[in-house]
């Protein structure tokens, strides 16, 4: 299974593409989409859309895993990240790539085995699991790879399959 992990943002969108088969990982590509701080916001969103479209076309993922949005102290920043996240989700939908969402605690649990692990533990374990020579930078890139690993671990579980079916049924009910 080819998985595209995304750590959403509007200044930096971390991404990581992995192949997962059985218990084996293979890193395909990782990096970040960076938008210029001084640029108009709608132009930044367009850049995210264009680069996400190219990334999906190039890598042909079977699934996209995205971190669920967490609002910290700055609501304005959170709203902007939510807008960028919407563009990312729309890009996946237009390309026909199913999207799976995970909380930071779920990612930590899947990668480290402890839902309250510290960031450096997640980054270090991500590096080891993917046999990378160093921890990917920026941090958003390492986070995106961890999100992809999370989906790889969760996608085959019976409980996750039931949860995904329930979420899809709930979404379908909302559209009516």
C-alpha atoms as a PDB file:
ATOM      1  CA  UNK A   1       0.000   0.000   0.000  1.00  0.00           C
ATOM      2  CA  UNK A   2       1.325   3.438  -0.909  1.00  0.00           C
ATOM      3  CA  UNK A   3       0.487   6.063   1.711  1.00  0.00           C
ATOM      4  CA  UNK A   4       0.868   9.831   1.538  1.00  0.00           C
ATOM      5  CA  UNK A   5       1.169  11.309   5.028  1.00  0.00           C
ATOM      6  CA  UNK A   6       0.410  15.003   5.447  1.00  0.00           C
ATOM      7  CA  UNK A   7       1.128  17.395   8.298  1.00  0.00           C
ATOM      8  CA  UNK A   8      -1.129  20.295   7.272  1.00  0.00           C
ATOM      9  CA  UNK A   9      -0.181  23.955   7.479  1.00  0.00           C
ATOM     10  CA  UNK A  10      -0.130  27.030   5.289  1.00  0.00           C
ATOM     11  CA  UNK A  11       3.479  28.140   5.743  1.00  0.00           C
ATOM     12  CA  UNK A  12       4.800  24.566   5.673  1.00  0.00           C
ATOM     13  CA  UNK A  13       2.950  21.431   4.584  1.00  0.00           C
ATOM     14  CA  UNK A  14       5.008  18.407   5.524  1.00  0.00           C
ATOM     15  CA  UNK A  15       4.597  15.329   3.353  1.00  0.00           C
ATOM     16  CA  UNK A  16       5.931  11.803   3.327  1.00  0.00           C
ATOM     17  CA  UNK A  17       5.234   8.979   0.899  1.00  0.00           C
ATOM     18  CA  UNK A  18       5.851   5.420   2.042  1.00  0.00           C
ATOM     19  CA  UNK A  19       5.152   1.953   0.744  1.00  0.00           C
ATOM     20  CA  UNK A  20       3.970  -0.556   3.321  1.00  0.00           C
ATOM     21  CA  UNK A  21       3.718  -4.293   2.815  1.00  0.00           C
ATOM     22  CA  UNK A  22       3.231  -6.757   5.656  1.00  0.00           C
ATOM     23  CA  UNK A  23       5.548  -5.309   8.267  1.00  0.00           C
ATOM     24  CA  UNK A  24       8.004  -3.618   5.907  1.00  0.00           C
ATOM     25  CA  UNK A  25       8.315   0.066   5.126  1.00  0.00           C
ATOM     26  CA  UNK A  26       9.988   1.683   2.153  1.00  0.00           C
ATOM     27  CA  UNK A  27      10.405   5.433   1.996  1.00  0.00           C
ATOM     28  CA  UNK A  28       9.494   6.779  -1.438  1.00  0.00           C
ATOM     29  CA  UNK A  29       9.741  10.542  -0.996  1.00  0.00           C
ATOM     30  CA  UNK A  30       9.448  13.198   1.672  1.00  0.00           C
ATOM     31  CA  UNK A  31       9.732  16.941   1.983  1.00  0.00           C
ATOM     32  CA  UNK A  32       7.739  20.084   2.514  1.00  0.00           C
ATOM     33  CA  UNK A  33       5.648  22.503   0.530  1.00  0.00           C
ATOM     34  CA  UNK A  34       6.746  25.944   1.725  1.00  0.00           C
ATOM     35  CA  UNK A  35       4.810  29.093   0.909  1.00  0.00           C
ATOM     36  CA  UNK A  36       6.340  32.583   1.163  1.00  0.00           C
ATOM     37  CA  UNK A  37       5.306  34.537   4.266  1.00  0.00           C
ATOM     38  CA  UNK A  38       4.752  37.824   2.423  1.00  0.00           C
ATOM     39  CA  UNK A  39       2.500  36.338  -0.258  1.00  0.00           C
ATOM     40  CA  UNK A  40      -1.266  36.915  -0.316  1.00  0.00           C
ATOM     41  CA  UNK A  41      -3.045  34.077   1.475  1.00  0.00           C
ATOM     42  CA  UNK A  42      -5.090  32.966  -1.533  1.00  0.00           C
ATOM     43  CA  UNK A  43      -1.876  32.695  -3.563  1.00  0.00           C
ATOM     44  CA  UNK A  44      -0.377  30.506  -0.827  1.00  0.00           C
ATOM     45  CA  UNK A  45      -3.456  28.269  -0.934  1.00  0.00           C
ATOM     46  CA  UNK A  46      -3.158  28.015  -4.716  1.00  0.00           C
ATOM     47  CA  UNK A  47       0.496  26.969  -4.377  1.00  0.00           C
ATOM     48  CA  UNK A  48      -0.478  24.267  -1.856  1.00  0.00           C
ATOM     49  CA  UNK A  49      -3.175  23.009  -4.227  1.00  0.00           C
ATOM     50  CA  UNK A  50      -0.836  22.947  -7.229  1.00  0.00           C
ATOM     51  CA  UNK A  51       2.013  21.218  -5.416  1.00  0.00           C
ATOM     52  CA  UNK A  52      -0.325  18.706  -3.739  1.00  0.00           C
ATOM     53  CA  UNK A  53      -1.872  17.914  -7.131  1.00  0.00           C
ATOM     54  CA  UNK A  54       1.582  17.285  -8.607  1.00  0.00           C
ATOM     55  CA  UNK A  55       2.639  15.191  -5.584  1.00  0.00           C
ATOM     56  CA  UNK A  56      -0.437  12.968  -5.867  1.00  0.00           C
ATOM     57  CA  UNK A  57      -0.062  12.610  -9.639  1.00  0.00           C
ATOM     58  CA  UNK A  58       3.609  11.663  -9.303  1.00  0.00           C
ATOM     59  CA  UNK A  59       3.250   9.165  -6.439  1.00  0.00           C
ATOM     60  CA  UNK A  60      -0.251   7.721  -7.005  1.00  0.00           C
ATOM     61  CA  UNK A  61      -0.991   7.043  -3.312  1.00  0.00           C
ATOM     62  CA  UNK A  62      -3.702   4.556  -2.371  1.00  0.00           C
ATOM     63  CA  UNK A  63      -4.442   6.488   0.804  1.00  0.00           C
ATOM     64  CA  UNK A  64      -3.735   9.875   2.355  1.00  0.00           C
ATOM     65  CA  UNK A  65      -3.353  10.151   6.109  1.00  0.00           C
ATOM     66  CA  UNK A  66      -3.730  13.598   7.619  1.00  0.00           C
ATOM     67  CA  UNK A  67      -3.324  14.882  11.132  1.00  0.00           C
ATOM     68  CA  UNK A  68      -6.565  16.110  12.658  1.00  0.00           C
ATOM     69  CA  UNK A  69      -6.553  19.801  13.384  1.00  0.00           C
ATOM     70  CA  UNK A  70      -5.793  20.826  16.944  1.00  0.00           C
ATOM     71  CA  UNK A  71      -6.494  24.405  17.979  1.00  0.00           C
ATOM     72  CA  UNK A  72      -3.883  25.689  20.389  1.00  0.00           C
ATOM     73  CA  UNK A  73      -3.751  29.211  21.721  1.00  0.00           C
ATOM     74  CA  UNK A  74      -3.811  31.198  18.460  1.00  0.00           C
ATOM     75  CA  UNK A  75      -7.265  30.860  16.859  1.00  0.00           C
ATOM     76  CA  UNK A  76      -6.360  33.037  13.846  1.00  0.00           C
ATOM     77  CA  UNK A  77      -3.490  30.747  12.928  1.00  0.00           C
ATOM     78  CA  UNK A  78      -5.761  27.737  13.502  1.00  0.00           C
ATOM     79  CA  UNK A  79      -8.345  29.126  11.102  1.00  0.00           C
ATOM     80  CA  UNK A  80      -5.693  29.677   8.432  1.00  0.00           C
ATOM     81  CA  UNK A  81      -4.367  26.146   8.930  1.00  0.00           C
ATOM     82  CA  UNK A  82      -7.952  24.857   8.641  1.00  0.00           C
ATOM     83  CA  UNK A  83      -8.306  26.640   5.301  1.00  0.00           C
ATOM     84  CA  UNK A  84      -5.077  25.092   4.022  1.00  0.00           C
ATOM     85  CA  UNK A  85      -6.203  21.713   5.332  1.00  0.00           C
ATOM     86  CA  UNK A  86      -9.444  22.128   3.392  1.00  0.00           C
ATOM     87  CA  UNK A  87      -7.459  22.691   0.197  1.00  0.00           C
ATOM     88  CA  UNK A  88      -5.414  19.553   0.945  1.00  0.00           C
ATOM     89  CA  UNK A  89      -8.542  17.454   1.544  1.00  0.00           C
ATOM     90  CA  UNK A  90     -10.183  18.809  -1.598  1.00  0.00           C
ATOM     91  CA  UNK A  91      -7.090  17.961  -3.636  1.00  0.00           C
ATOM     92  CA  UNK A  92      -7.244  14.367  -2.395  1.00  0.00           C
ATOM     93  CA  UNK A  93     -10.985  14.142  -3.100  1.00  0.00           C
ATOM     94  CA  UNK A  94     -10.560  15.457  -6.647  1.00  0.00           C
ATOM     95  CA  UNK A  95      -7.820  12.878  -7.253  1.00  0.00           C
ATOM     96  CA  UNK A  96      -9.958  10.075  -5.813  1.00  0.00           C
ATOM     97  CA  UNK A  97      -7.555   9.369  -2.939  1.00  0.00           C
ATOM     98  CA  UNK A  98      -9.305   8.252   0.268  1.00  0.00           C
ATOM     99  CA  UNK A  99      -8.404  10.342   3.314  1.00  0.00           C
ATOM    100  CA  UNK A 100      -7.889   9.011   6.835  1.00  0.00           C
ATOM    101  CA  UNK A 101      -7.516  11.317   9.809  1.00  0.00           C
ATOM    102  CA  UNK A 102      -5.559  10.716  12.999  1.00  0.00           C
ATOM    103  CA  UNK A 103      -5.106  12.675  16.203  1.00  0.00           C
ATOM    104  CA  UNK A 104      -1.604  13.465  17.454  1.00  0.00           C
ATOM    105  CA  UNK A 105      -2.180  10.954  20.271  1.00  0.00           C
ATOM    106  CA  UNK A 106      -3.069   8.207  17.777  1.00  0.00           C
ATOM    107  CA  UNK A 107       0.100   8.949  15.788  1.00  0.00           C
ATOM    108  CA  UNK A 108       2.263   8.798  18.910  1.00  0.00           C
ATOM    109  CA  UNK A 109       0.628   5.527  19.984  1.00  0.00           C
ATOM    110  CA  UNK A 110       1.149   3.951  16.553  1.00  0.00           C
ATOM    111  CA  UNK A 111       4.775   5.051  16.157  1.00  0.00           C
ATOM    112  CA  UNK A 112       6.165   4.955  19.693  1.00  0.00           C
ATOM    113  CA  UNK A 113       3.632   2.775  21.497  1.00  0.00           C
ATOM    114  CA  UNK A 114       2.748   5.523  23.962  1.00  0.00           C
ATOM    115  CA  UNK A 115       0.096   8.167  23.231  1.00  0.00           C
ATOM    116  CA  UNK A 116       1.814  10.822  25.331  1.00  0.00           C
ATOM    117  CA  UNK A 117       5.276  10.367  23.840  1.00  0.00           C
ATOM    118  CA  UNK A 118       7.382  13.460  23.329  1.00  0.00           C
ATOM    119  CA  UNK A 119       8.037  14.884  19.871  1.00  0.00           C
ATOM    120  CA  UNK A 120      11.717  13.870  19.825  1.00  0.00           C
ATOM    121  CA  UNK A 121      10.728  10.256  20.602  1.00  0.00           C
ATOM    122  CA  UNK A 122       8.319  10.167  17.655  1.00  0.00           C
ATOM    123  CA  UNK A 123      10.903  11.700  15.333  1.00  0.00           C
ATOM    124  CA  UNK A 124      13.623   9.289  16.441  1.00  0.00           C
ATOM    125  CA  UNK A 125      11.372   6.240  16.074  1.00  0.00           C
ATOM    126  CA  UNK A 126      10.222   7.441  12.641  1.00  0.00           C
ATOM    127  CA  UNK A 127      13.854   7.674  11.553  1.00  0.00           C
ATOM    128  CA  UNK A 128      14.550   4.148  12.811  1.00  0.00           C
ATOM    129  CA  UNK A 129      11.411   2.545  11.378  1.00  0.00           C
ATOM    130  CA  UNK A 130      12.112   3.981   7.929  1.00  0.00           C
ATOM    131  CA  UNK A 131      15.903   3.364   8.117  1.00  0.00           C
ATOM    132  CA  UNK A 132      16.649   7.004   7.348  1.00  0.00           C
ATOM    133  CA  UNK A 133      20.204   8.318   7.802  1.00  0.00           C
ATOM    134  CA  UNK A 134      18.916  11.263   9.858  1.00  0.00           C
ATOM    135  CA  UNK A 135      15.687  12.752  11.164  1.00  0.00           C
ATOM    136  CA  UNK A 136      13.960  14.541   8.277  1.00  0.00           C
ATOM    137  CA  UNK A 137      13.778  18.322   8.430  1.00  0.00           C
ATOM    138  CA  UNK A 138      11.771  20.435   8.820  1.00  0.00           C
ATOM    139  CA  UNK A 139       9.881  18.833  11.721  1.00  0.00           C
ATOM    140  CA  UNK A 140       6.685  18.931   9.645  1.00  0.00           C
ATOM    141  CA  UNK A 141       8.251  16.410   7.259  1.00  0.00           C
ATOM    142  CA  UNK A 142       9.103  13.974  10.059  1.00  0.00           C
ATOM    143  CA  UNK A 143       5.561  14.448  11.400  1.00  0.00           C
ATOM    144  CA  UNK A 144       4.096  13.634   7.984  1.00  0.00           C
ATOM    145  CA  UNK A 145       6.108  10.415   7.787  1.00  0.00           C
ATOM    146  CA  UNK A 146       4.906   9.477  11.294  1.00  0.00           C
ATOM    147  CA  UNK A 147       1.310  10.105  10.181  1.00  0.00           C
ATOM    148  CA  UNK A 148       1.864   7.772   7.205  1.00  0.00           C
ATOM    149  CA  UNK A 149       3.308   5.107   9.525  1.00  0.00           C
ATOM    150  CA  UNK A 150       0.277   5.518  11.775  1.00  0.00           C
ATOM    151  CA  UNK A 151      -2.051   4.765   8.874  1.00  0.00           C
ATOM    152  CA  UNK A 152       0.032   1.754   7.849  1.00  0.00           C
ATOM    153  CA  UNK A 153      -0.319   0.322  11.348  1.00  0.00           C
ATOM    154  CA  UNK A 154      -4.005   1.167  11.688  1.00  0.00           C
ATOM    155  CA  UNK A 155      -5.317   0.476   8.180  1.00  0.00           C
ATOM    156  CA  UNK A 156      -5.312  -3.302   8.483  1.00  0.00           C
ATOM    157  CA  UNK A 157      -6.855  -3.533  11.939  1.00  0.00           C
ATOM    158  CA  UNK A 158     -10.433  -4.766  12.226  1.00  0.00           C
ATOM    159  CA  UNK A 159     -11.302  -2.003  14.672  1.00  0.00           C
ATOM    160  CA  UNK A 160     -10.017   0.667  12.300  1.00  0.00           C
ATOM    161  CA  UNK A 161     -11.980  -0.799   9.408  1.00  0.00           C
ATOM    162  CA  UNK A 162     -15.162  -0.636  11.504  1.00  0.00           C
ATOM    163  CA  UNK A 163     -14.405   2.935  12.566  1.00  0.00           C
ATOM    164  CA  UNK A 164     -13.765   4.016   8.975  1.00  0.00           C
ATOM    165  CA  UNK A 165     -17.055   2.449   7.812  1.00  0.00           C
ATOM    166  CA  UNK A 166     -18.910   4.237  10.618  1.00  0.00           C
ATOM    167  CA  UNK A 167     -17.287   7.565   9.709  1.00  0.00           C
ATOM    168  CA  UNK A 168     -18.194   7.140   6.036  1.00  0.00           C
ATOM    169  CA  UNK A 169     -21.783   6.251   6.932  1.00  0.00           C
ATOM    170  CA  UNK A 170     -21.980   9.299   9.182  1.00  0.00           C
ATOM    171  CA  UNK A 171     -20.607  11.558   6.445  1.00  0.00           C
ATOM    172  CA  UNK A 172     -23.059  10.078   3.915  1.00  0.00           C
ATOM    173  CA  UNK A 173     -25.928  10.762   6.330  1.00  0.00           C
ATOM    174  CA  UNK A 174     -24.792  14.393   6.705  1.00  0.00           C
ATOM    175  CA  UNK A 175     -24.902  14.931   2.941  1.00  0.00           C
ATOM    176  CA  UNK A 176     -28.578  14.052   2.691  1.00  0.00           C
END
